[in-house]
Amino acid sequence: MHELAFVFAGFAVGLIVGLTGVGGGSLMTPILIFFFGIKPHMAVGTDLLFAAFTKMGGTVSLARQRLVPWKVVGQLCAGSIPAALLALWALKVLGPASGTAQAIMTTTLGFALLLTAAATLYKVVAFSAQRQVAEAAARKSHTGDPTRPRHWSLPVLLGAVIGTLVTFTSVGAGAIGVTVLLLVYPMLPLPRIIGADIAYAVPLTLVAGLGHASLGSVDWPLLAQLLAGSLPGIWLGSRLVARTPERLIRSALSILLAWAGFKLILI
C-alpha cells in the first residue's frame, strides 16, 4: 500500500512541475517528511537523485532544440559544484543522521521553501512587467553577448548559494534559480534561461545525490517508486499547461510552500 502512495506522490509532483515549472524538490522533500515520516537526510538524499534523473530528460530535449546556453551552465557550475562538495564534507563531519545535521537541514529547508514561495508569488504578481523593464534597461547599457552576466562574479556566487541550498535541502533551483537568472542575464531569452536552469541542475543534483548516497542517505526502492510516478506526471502536466489557470495554481502553491517553510523552521 505504501508503494502505491509513493508512486502517486511522484505522479502528483511530476504533474505540478509539468504545469508550473516549480522545482520538484520544493514539493517532494516536504511531502516525504510531513506525509510519510521520512527522516530529513533520507528525504533530501533520495530527492536529489530523483531530480537528477528527471531533469536529464529535459536537458536532452532542450539541448536538441539548442535552448541550453552551455556558457551560462559552466559559469553556474563553477560556483555550485565546489559549494556542493564543501556542503557534503560538512555533512560527513557532522554525520547526516545526527541531531545537528537534521536541525540544519530542516531549518535551511524551511527558509528555502519561503524563498521559493516568494519567487513563485513574484512570478505571478510582477514577473511580466518587471521583465520588460529589465530588458529595456539592459538594451541601453548591455550590448553584445546575451550570455554575459551583469558582473562576472554574480553567476559564480549564485551557483555557490544554490549549490549549498540544494545539497542541504534539495531545494534551490527551479523558481529561485530562474528568478535570479532573469536578473543576472537580462538579455537572455526566457526559454534559454529555463534551459540553463534545468541543465546546470543535472550535474549539481547528481554530485550532491551521489554524495548523499555515499553517506547512506538514499533510499533506492523509494527512488524507483517516485520515478515510476513522476515521469508520466510530468508528461501529462506539460500537455495540460495551456489549459490550466497557471496564475491560480502558482498562487495556491506559494501559500502551501510558505506554510511548509514556517512549519519546518518552527520544528
C-alpha atoms as a PDB file:
ATOM      1  CA  MET A   1       0.000   0.000   0.000  1.00  0.00           C
ATOM      2  CA  HIS A   2       2.852   2.354   0.882  1.00  0.00           C
ATOM      3  CA  GLU A   3       4.428   1.634  -2.511  1.00  0.00           C
ATOM      4  CA  LEU A   4       1.327   2.878  -4.360  1.00  0.00           C
ATOM      5  CA  ALA A   5       1.267   6.008  -2.188  1.00  0.00           C
ATOM      6  CA  PHE A   6       4.860   6.810  -3.175  1.00  0.00           C
ATOM      7  CA  VAL A   7       4.063   6.279  -6.872  1.00  0.00           C
ATOM      8  CA  PHE A   8       1.024   8.557  -6.549  1.00  0.00           C
ATOM      9  CA  ALA A   9       3.121  11.199  -4.750  1.00  0.00           C
ATOM     10  CA  GLY A  10       5.661  11.066  -7.577  1.00  0.00           C
ATOM     11  CA  PHE A  11       2.872  11.433 -10.133  1.00  0.00           C
ATOM     12  CA  ALA A  12       1.334  14.423  -8.289  1.00  0.00           C
ATOM     13  CA  VAL A  13       4.689  16.225  -8.019  1.00  0.00           C
ATOM     14  CA  GLY A  14       5.527  15.470 -11.654  1.00  0.00           C
ATOM     15  CA  LEU A  15       2.125  16.820 -12.726  1.00  0.00           C
ATOM     16  CA  ILE A  16       2.610  20.094 -10.805  1.00  0.00           C
ATOM     17  CA  VAL A  17       6.161  20.500 -12.123  1.00  0.00           C
ATOM     18  CA  GLY A  18       4.895  19.978 -15.658  1.00  0.00           C
ATOM     19  CA  LEU A  19       2.095  22.527 -15.137  1.00  0.00           C
ATOM     20  CA  THR A  20       4.072  25.259 -13.379  1.00  0.00           C
ATOM     21  CA  GLY A  21       7.812  24.623 -13.750  1.00  0.00           C
ATOM     22  CA  VAL A  22       8.286  24.892  -9.975  1.00  0.00           C
ATOM     23  CA  GLY A  23      11.207  22.735  -8.847  1.00  0.00           C
ATOM     24  CA  GLY A  24      10.234  19.240  -7.722  1.00  0.00           C
ATOM     25  CA  GLY A  25      12.453  19.456  -4.633  1.00  0.00           C
ATOM     26  CA  SER A  26      10.273  22.242  -3.262  1.00  0.00           C
ATOM     27  CA  LEU A  27       7.379  19.789  -3.262  1.00  0.00           C
ATOM     28  CA  MET A  28       8.790  16.281  -2.901  1.00  0.00           C
ATOM     29  CA  THR A  29      11.038  16.787   0.120  1.00  0.00           C
ATOM     30  CA  PRO A  30       8.290  18.326   2.342  1.00  0.00           C
ATOM     31  CA  ILE A  31       5.856  15.592   1.224  1.00  0.00           C
ATOM     32  CA  LEU A  32       8.313  12.857   2.186  1.00  0.00           C
ATOM     33  CA  ILE A  33       8.962  14.484   5.574  1.00  0.00           C
ATOM     34  CA  PHE A  34       5.418  15.527   6.551  1.00  0.00           C
ATOM     35  CA  PHE A  35       3.208  12.863   4.980  1.00  0.00           C
ATOM     36  CA  PHE A  36       5.440   9.790   5.001  1.00  0.00           C
ATOM     37  CA  GLY A  37       7.606  10.466   8.047  1.00  0.00           C
ATOM     38  CA  ILE A  38      10.885  10.037   6.131  1.00  0.00           C
ATOM     39  CA  LYS A  39      13.909  11.368   8.019  1.00  0.00           C
ATOM     40  CA  PRO A  40      15.132  14.692   6.572  1.00  0.00           C
ATOM     41  CA  HIS A  41      18.536  13.366   5.469  1.00  0.00           C
ATOM     42  CA  MET A  42      16.929  10.411   3.640  1.00  0.00           C
ATOM     43  CA  ALA A  43      14.277  12.652   2.061  1.00  0.00           C
ATOM     44  CA  VAL A  44      16.899  15.122   0.812  1.00  0.00           C
ATOM     45  CA  GLY A  45      19.316  12.477  -0.493  1.00  0.00           C
ATOM     46  CA  THR A  46      16.614  10.499  -2.300  1.00  0.00           C
ATOM     47  CA  ASP A  47      15.044  13.623  -3.784  1.00  0.00           C
ATOM     48  CA  LEU A  48      18.395  14.840  -5.138  1.00  0.00           C
ATOM     49  CA  LEU A  49      18.800  11.762  -7.338  1.00  0.00           C
ATOM     50  CA  PHE A  50      15.080  11.938  -8.163  1.00  0.00           C
ATOM     51  CA  ALA A  51      15.706  15.470  -9.503  1.00  0.00           C
ATOM     52  CA  ALA A  52      18.874  14.446 -11.373  1.00  0.00           C
ATOM     53  CA  PHE A  53      17.159  11.636 -13.288  1.00  0.00           C
ATOM     54  CA  THR A  54      14.002  13.624 -14.095  1.00  0.00           C
ATOM     55  CA  LYS A  55      15.941  16.681 -15.329  1.00  0.00           C
ATOM     56  CA  MET A  56      18.277  14.633 -17.536  1.00  0.00           C
ATOM     57  CA  GLY A  57      15.457  14.008 -19.997  1.00  0.00           C
ATOM     58  CA  GLY A  58      14.519  17.682 -20.009  1.00  0.00           C
ATOM     59  CA  THR A  59      18.117  18.692 -20.665  1.00  0.00           C
ATOM     60  CA  VAL A  60      18.454  16.337 -23.628  1.00  0.00           C
ATOM     61  CA  SER A  61      15.226  17.688 -25.136  1.00  0.00           C
ATOM     62  CA  LEU A  62      16.256  21.323 -24.626  1.00  0.00           C
ATOM     63  CA  ALA A  63      19.776  20.687 -25.963  1.00  0.00           C
ATOM     64  CA  ARG A  64      18.344  19.215 -29.168  1.00  0.00           C
ATOM     65  CA  GLN A  65      16.351  22.443 -29.575  1.00  0.00           C
ATOM     66  CA  ARG A  66      19.551  24.466 -28.967  1.00  0.00           C
ATOM     67  CA  LEU A  67      17.983  26.144 -25.938  1.00  0.00           C
ATOM     68  CA  VAL A  68      20.783  25.365 -23.461  1.00  0.00           C
ATOM     69  CA  PRO A  69      23.378  28.171 -23.127  1.00  0.00           C
ATOM     70  CA  TRP A  70      26.319  25.993 -22.086  1.00  0.00           C
ATOM     71  CA  LYS A  71      28.468  29.022 -21.242  1.00  0.00           C
ATOM     72  CA  VAL A  72      25.929  30.044 -18.577  1.00  0.00           C
ATOM     73  CA  VAL A  73      25.741  26.455 -17.320  1.00  0.00           C
ATOM     74  CA  GLY A  74      29.534  26.403 -16.928  1.00  0.00           C
ATOM     75  CA  GLN A  75      29.546  29.722 -15.040  1.00  0.00           C
ATOM     76  CA  LEU A  76      26.908  28.443 -12.611  1.00  0.00           C
ATOM     77  CA  CYS A  77      28.644  25.081 -12.125  1.00  0.00           C
ATOM     78  CA  ALA A  78      31.913  26.892 -11.299  1.00  0.00           C
ATOM     79  CA  GLY A  79      30.228  28.022  -8.092  1.00  0.00           C
ATOM     80  CA  SER A  80      27.681  25.286  -7.409  1.00  0.00           C
ATOM     81  CA  ILE A  81      29.811  22.120  -7.686  1.00  0.00           C
ATOM     82  CA  PRO A  82      32.578  23.247  -5.250  1.00  0.00           C
ATOM     83  CA  ALA A  83      29.911  24.523  -2.843  1.00  0.00           C
ATOM     84  CA  ALA A  84      28.083  21.180  -3.029  1.00  0.00           C
ATOM     85  CA  LEU A  85      31.302  19.291  -2.276  1.00  0.00           C
ATOM     86  CA  LEU A  86      32.003  21.533   0.731  1.00  0.00           C
ATOM     87  CA  ALA A  87      28.449  21.020   1.996  1.00  0.00           C
ATOM     88  CA  LEU A  88      28.832  17.239   1.611  1.00  0.00           C
ATOM     89  CA  TRP A  89      32.097  17.372   3.553  1.00  0.00           C
ATOM     90  CA  ALA A  90      30.322  19.289   6.340  1.00  0.00           C
ATOM     91  CA  LEU A  91      27.561  16.659   6.424  1.00  0.00           C
ATOM     92  CA  LYS A  92      30.132  13.868   6.590  1.00  0.00           C
ATOM     93  CA  VAL A  93      31.877  15.563   9.537  1.00  0.00           C
ATOM     94  CA  LEU A  94      28.585  16.164  11.369  1.00  0.00           C
ATOM     95  CA  GLY A  95      27.043  12.828  10.431  1.00  0.00           C
ATOM     96  CA  PRO A  96      23.951  13.130   8.204  1.00  0.00           C
ATOM     97  CA  ALA A  97      21.691  11.426  10.773  1.00  0.00           C
ATOM     98  CA  SER A  98      22.983  13.466  13.733  1.00  0.00           C
ATOM     99  CA  GLY A  99      20.693  15.876  15.551  1.00  0.00           C
ATOM    100  CA  THR A 100      22.806  18.853  14.466  1.00  0.00           C
ATOM    101  CA  ALA A 101      22.671  17.901  10.790  1.00  0.00           C
ATOM    102  CA  GLN A 102      18.928  17.240  10.968  1.00  0.00           C
ATOM    103  CA  ALA A 103      18.354  20.652  12.580  1.00  0.00           C
ATOM    104  CA  ILE A 104      20.450  22.393   9.911  1.00  0.00           C
ATOM    105  CA  MET A 105      18.576  20.583   7.147  1.00  0.00           C
ATOM    106  CA  THR A 106      15.071  21.307   8.447  1.00  0.00           C
ATOM    107  CA  THR A 107      15.798  24.973   9.227  1.00  0.00           C
ATOM    108  CA  THR A 108      17.573  25.586   5.911  1.00  0.00           C
ATOM    109  CA  LEU A 109      14.788  23.749   4.090  1.00  0.00           C
ATOM    110  CA  GLY A 110      12.234  25.983   5.793  1.00  0.00           C
ATOM    111  CA  PHE A 111      13.968  29.165   4.637  1.00  0.00           C
ATOM    112  CA  ALA A 112      14.491  27.712   1.140  1.00  0.00           C
ATOM    113  CA  LEU A 113      10.767  26.977   0.874  1.00  0.00           C
ATOM    114  CA  LEU A 114       9.939  30.532   1.977  1.00  0.00           C
ATOM    115  CA  LEU A 115      12.268  31.867  -0.733  1.00  0.00           C
ATOM    116  CA  THR A 116      10.662  29.564  -3.295  1.00  0.00           C
ATOM    117  CA  ALA A 117       7.192  30.710  -2.209  1.00  0.00           C
ATOM    118  CA  ALA A 118       8.256  34.356  -2.587  1.00  0.00           C
ATOM    119  CA  ALA A 119       9.807  33.704  -6.009  1.00  0.00           C
ATOM    120  CA  THR A 120       6.699  31.813  -7.162  1.00  0.00           C
ATOM    121  CA  LEU A 121       4.409  34.626  -5.990  1.00  0.00           C
ATOM    122  CA  TYR A 122       6.696  37.215  -7.626  1.00  0.00           C
ATOM    123  CA  LYS A 123       6.304  35.456 -10.962  1.00  0.00           C
ATOM    124  CA  VAL A 124       2.518  35.662 -10.541  1.00  0.00           C
ATOM    125  CA  VAL A 125       2.268  39.305  -9.431  1.00  0.00           C
ATOM    126  CA  ALA A 126       5.039  41.262 -11.138  1.00  0.00           C
ATOM    127  CA  PHE A 127       7.012  38.942 -13.397  1.00  0.00           C
ATOM    128  CA  SER A 128       5.948  40.186 -16.858  1.00  0.00           C
ATOM    129  CA  ALA A 129       6.135  43.917 -16.128  1.00  0.00           C
ATOM    130  CA  GLN A 130       9.455  43.688 -14.282  1.00  0.00           C
ATOM    131  CA  ARG A 131      10.971  41.548 -17.040  1.00  0.00           C
ATOM    132  CA  GLN A 132      10.021  44.087 -19.713  1.00  0.00           C
ATOM    133  CA  VAL A 133      11.550  46.954 -17.722  1.00  0.00           C
ATOM    134  CA  ALA A 134      14.762  44.962 -17.105  1.00  0.00           C
ATOM    135  CA  GLU A 135      15.074  44.065 -20.787  1.00  0.00           C
ATOM    136  CA  ALA A 136      14.562  47.690 -21.866  1.00  0.00           C
ATOM    137  CA  ALA A 137      17.229  48.935 -19.441  1.00  0.00           C
ATOM    138  CA  ALA A 138      19.600  46.148 -20.481  1.00  0.00           C
ATOM    139  CA  ARG A 139      19.332  47.051 -24.157  1.00  0.00           C
ATOM    140  CA  LYS A 140      20.607  50.544 -23.388  1.00  0.00           C
ATOM    141  CA  SER A 141      23.552  49.506 -21.235  1.00  0.00           C
ATOM    142  CA  HIS A 142      24.343  45.936 -22.248  1.00  0.00           C
ATOM    143  CA  THR A 143      25.039  45.016 -25.849  1.00  0.00           C
ATOM    144  CA  GLY A 144      26.719  42.042 -27.443  1.00  0.00           C
ATOM    145  CA  ASP A 145      26.752  38.531 -25.967  1.00  0.00           C
ATOM    146  CA  PRO A 146      23.426  37.785 -24.158  1.00  0.00           C
ATOM    147  CA  THR A 147      25.194  35.121 -22.078  1.00  0.00           C
ATOM    148  CA  ARG A 148      27.391  37.779 -20.469  1.00  0.00           C
ATOM    149  CA  PRO A 149      26.134  38.457 -16.912  1.00  0.00           C
ATOM    150  CA  ARG A 150      25.758  41.871 -15.306  1.00  0.00           C
ATOM    151  CA  HIS A 151      29.028  41.069 -13.490  1.00  0.00           C
ATOM    152  CA  TRP A 152      31.299  38.050 -13.930  1.00  0.00           C
ATOM    153  CA  SER A 153      31.135  37.149 -10.231  1.00  0.00           C
ATOM    154  CA  LEU A 154      27.334  37.023  -9.979  1.00  0.00           C
ATOM    155  CA  PRO A 155      26.715  33.582 -11.583  1.00  0.00           C
ATOM    156  CA  VAL A 156      29.553  32.036  -9.559  1.00  0.00           C
ATOM    157  CA  LEU A 157      28.148  33.462  -6.315  1.00  0.00           C
ATOM    158  CA  LEU A 158      24.627  32.459  -7.306  1.00  0.00           C
ATOM    159  CA  GLY A 159      25.832  28.970  -8.114  1.00  0.00           C
ATOM    160  CA  ALA A 160      27.605  28.690  -4.758  1.00  0.00           C
ATOM    161  CA  VAL A 161      24.493  29.730  -2.822  1.00  0.00           C
ATOM    162  CA  ILE A 162      22.229  27.371  -4.772  1.00  0.00           C
ATOM    163  CA  GLY A 163      24.777  24.549  -4.569  1.00  0.00           C
ATOM    164  CA  THR A 164      24.797  24.835  -0.785  1.00  0.00           C
ATOM    165  CA  LEU A 165      20.998  25.070  -0.555  1.00  0.00           C
ATOM    166  CA  VAL A 166      20.477  22.120  -2.886  1.00  0.00           C
ATOM    167  CA  THR A 167      22.917  19.872  -1.005  1.00  0.00           C
ATOM    168  CA  PHE A 168      21.346  20.589   2.382  1.00  0.00           C
ATOM    169  CA  THR A 169      17.707  20.732   1.280  1.00  0.00           C
ATOM    170  CA  SER A 170      17.352  19.541  -2.371  1.00  0.00           C
ATOM    171  CA  VAL A 171      15.633  22.933  -2.929  1.00  0.00           C
ATOM    172  CA  GLY A 172      17.188  25.919  -4.676  1.00  0.00           C
ATOM    173  CA  ALA A 173      16.915  25.507  -8.422  1.00  0.00           C
ATOM    174  CA  GLY A 174      13.521  25.901 -10.073  1.00  0.00           C
ATOM    175  CA  ALA A 175      11.653  29.046  -9.032  1.00  0.00           C
ATOM    176  CA  ILE A 176      14.578  30.612  -7.127  1.00  0.00           C
ATOM    177  CA  GLY A 177      17.133  29.839  -9.808  1.00  0.00           C
ATOM    178  CA  VAL A 178      15.009  31.087 -12.699  1.00  0.00           C
ATOM    179  CA  THR A 179      14.071  34.312 -10.900  1.00  0.00           C
ATOM    180  CA  VAL A 180      17.684  35.192 -10.102  1.00  0.00           C
ATOM    181  CA  LEU A 181      18.933  34.187 -13.556  1.00  0.00           C
ATOM    182  CA  LEU A 182      16.438  36.602 -15.089  1.00  0.00           C
ATOM    183  CA  LEU A 183      18.081  39.401 -13.120  1.00  0.00           C
ATOM    184  CA  VAL A 184      21.692  38.315 -13.743  1.00  0.00           C
ATOM    185  CA  TYR A 185      21.215  37.708 -17.502  1.00  0.00           C
ATOM    186  CA  PRO A 186      18.669  40.366 -18.554  1.00  0.00           C
ATOM    187  CA  MET A 187      19.289  39.916 -22.283  1.00  0.00           C
ATOM    188  CA  LEU A 188      18.972  36.121 -22.323  1.00  0.00           C
ATOM    189  CA  PRO A 189      15.587  34.959 -23.719  1.00  0.00           C
ATOM    190  CA  LEU A 190      13.302  33.189 -21.240  1.00  0.00           C
ATOM    191  CA  PRO A 191      13.413  29.755 -22.979  1.00  0.00           C
ATOM    192  CA  ARG A 192      17.239  29.792 -22.704  1.00  0.00           C
ATOM    193  CA  ILE A 193      17.007  30.913 -19.053  1.00  0.00           C
ATOM    194  CA  ILE A 194      14.860  27.857 -18.349  1.00  0.00           C
ATOM    195  CA  GLY A 195      17.246  25.694 -20.378  1.00  0.00           C
ATOM    196  CA  ALA A 196      20.216  26.918 -18.308  1.00  0.00           C
ATOM    197  CA  ASP A 197      18.375  26.333 -15.025  1.00  0.00           C
ATOM    198  CA  ILE A 198      17.409  22.760 -15.899  1.00  0.00           C
ATOM    199  CA  ALA A 199      20.768  21.834 -17.444  1.00  0.00           C
ATOM    200  CA  TYR A 200      23.022  23.074 -14.634  1.00  0.00           C
ATOM    201  CA  ALA A 201      20.779  21.359 -12.063  1.00  0.00           C
ATOM    202  CA  VAL A 202      21.677  17.945 -13.527  1.00  0.00           C
ATOM    203  CA  PRO A 203      25.411  17.849 -12.590  1.00  0.00           C
ATOM    204  CA  LEU A 204      24.660  19.658  -9.329  1.00  0.00           C
ATOM    205  CA  THR A 205      21.941  17.252  -8.141  1.00  0.00           C
ATOM    206  CA  LEU A 206      23.907  14.265  -9.436  1.00  0.00           C
ATOM    207  CA  VAL A 207      27.045  15.249  -7.493  1.00  0.00           C
ATOM    208  CA  ALA A 208      25.040  16.099  -4.360  1.00  0.00           C
ATOM    209  CA  GLY A 209      22.850  12.997  -4.695  1.00  0.00           C
ATOM    210  CA  LEU A 210      25.769  10.596  -5.178  1.00  0.00           C
ATOM    211  CA  GLY A 211      27.498  12.282  -2.239  1.00  0.00           C
ATOM    212  CA  HIS A 212      24.428  11.626  -0.098  1.00  0.00           C
ATOM    213  CA  ALA A 213      24.357   8.036  -1.394  1.00  0.00           C
ATOM    214  CA  SER A 214      27.964   7.565  -0.233  1.00  0.00           C
ATOM    215  CA  LEU A 215      26.800   8.715   3.221  1.00  0.00           C
ATOM    216  CA  GLY A 216      23.922   6.214   3.205  1.00  0.00           C
ATOM    217  CA  SER A 217      21.255   8.897   2.745  1.00  0.00           C
ATOM    218  CA  VAL A 218      19.438   7.487  -0.315  1.00  0.00           C
ATOM    219  CA  ASP A 219      16.501   5.046  -0.230  1.00  0.00           C
ATOM    220  CA  TRP A 220      16.852   3.289  -3.604  1.00  0.00           C
ATOM    221  CA  PRO A 221      13.479   1.416  -3.653  1.00  0.00           C
ATOM    222  CA  LEU A 222      11.734   4.685  -2.713  1.00  0.00           C
ATOM    223  CA  LEU A 223      13.577   6.483  -5.530  1.00  0.00           C
ATOM    224  CA  ALA A 224      12.362   3.912  -8.069  1.00  0.00           C
ATOM    225  CA  GLN A 225       8.747   4.272  -6.888  1.00  0.00           C
ATOM    226  CA  LEU A 226       8.861   8.067  -7.087  1.00  0.00           C
ATOM    227  CA  LEU A 227      10.317   7.979 -10.606  1.00  0.00           C
ATOM    228  CA  ALA A 228       7.653   5.482 -11.719  1.00  0.00           C
ATOM    229  CA  GLY A 229       5.014   8.073 -10.874  1.00  0.00           C
ATOM    230  CA  SER A 230       6.773  11.310 -11.769  1.00  0.00           C
ATOM    231  CA  LEU A 231       7.707  10.574 -15.378  1.00  0.00           C
ATOM    232  CA  PRO A 232       4.111  10.115 -16.614  1.00  0.00           C
ATOM    233  CA  GLY A 233       3.057  13.019 -14.357  1.00  0.00           C
ATOM    234  CA  ILE A 234       5.493  15.426 -15.997  1.00  0.00           C
ATOM    235  CA  TRP A 235       4.438  14.191 -19.436  1.00  0.00           C
ATOM    236  CA  LEU A 236       0.752  14.838 -18.659  1.00  0.00           C
ATOM    237  CA  GLY A 237       1.394  18.200 -16.969  1.00  0.00           C
ATOM    238  CA  SER A 238       3.408  19.526 -19.899  1.00  0.00           C
ATOM    239  CA  ARG A 239       0.457  18.790 -22.189  1.00  0.00           C
ATOM    240  CA  LEU A 240      -2.188  20.333 -19.924  1.00  0.00           C
ATOM    241  CA  VAL A 241      -0.231  23.503 -19.182  1.00  0.00           C
ATOM    242  CA  ALA A 242      -2.017  25.586 -21.843  1.00  0.00           C
ATOM    243  CA  ARG A 243      -5.455  24.636 -20.484  1.00  0.00           C
ATOM    244  CA  THR A 244      -4.927  25.364 -16.781  1.00  0.00           C
ATOM    245  CA  PRO A 245      -5.141  28.655 -14.788  1.00  0.00           C
ATOM    246  CA  GLU A 246      -1.400  28.893 -14.085  1.00  0.00           C
ATOM    247  CA  ARG A 247      -1.670  32.094 -12.002  1.00  0.00           C
ATOM    248  CA  LEU A 248      -4.196  30.426  -9.682  1.00  0.00           C
ATOM    249  CA  ILE A 249      -2.086  27.278  -9.317  1.00  0.00           C
ATOM    250  CA  ARG A 250       1.090  29.277  -8.629  1.00  0.00           C
ATOM    251  CA  SER A 251      -0.696  31.444  -6.042  1.00  0.00           C
ATOM    252  CA  ALA A 252      -2.042  28.403  -4.187  1.00  0.00           C
ATOM    253  CA  LEU A 253       1.355  26.727  -4.453  1.00  0.00           C
ATOM    254  CA  SER A 254       3.170  29.735  -2.953  1.00  0.00           C
ATOM    255  CA  ILE A 255       0.821  29.663   0.068  1.00  0.00           C
ATOM    256  CA  LEU A 256       1.393  25.925   0.528  1.00  0.00           C
ATOM    257  CA  LEU A 257       5.189  26.310   0.292  1.00  0.00           C
ATOM    258  CA  ALA A 258       5.160  29.216   2.765  1.00  0.00           C
ATOM    259  CA  TRP A 259       3.136  27.114   5.238  1.00  0.00           C
ATOM    260  CA  ALA A 260       5.569  24.198   4.904  1.00  0.00           C
ATOM    261  CA  GLY A 261       8.542  26.555   5.289  1.00  0.00           C
ATOM    262  CA  PHE A 262       7.226  28.125   8.501  1.00  0.00           C
ATOM    263  CA  LYS A 263       6.381  24.690   9.916  1.00  0.00           C
ATOM    264  CA  LEU A 264       9.888  23.377   9.243  1.00  0.00           C
ATOM    265  CA  ILE A 265      11.506  26.461  10.821  1.00  0.00           C
ATOM    266  CA  LEU A 266       9.334  26.032  13.936  1.00  0.00           C
ATOM    267  CA  ILE A 267      10.388  22.366  14.159  1.00  0.00           C
END
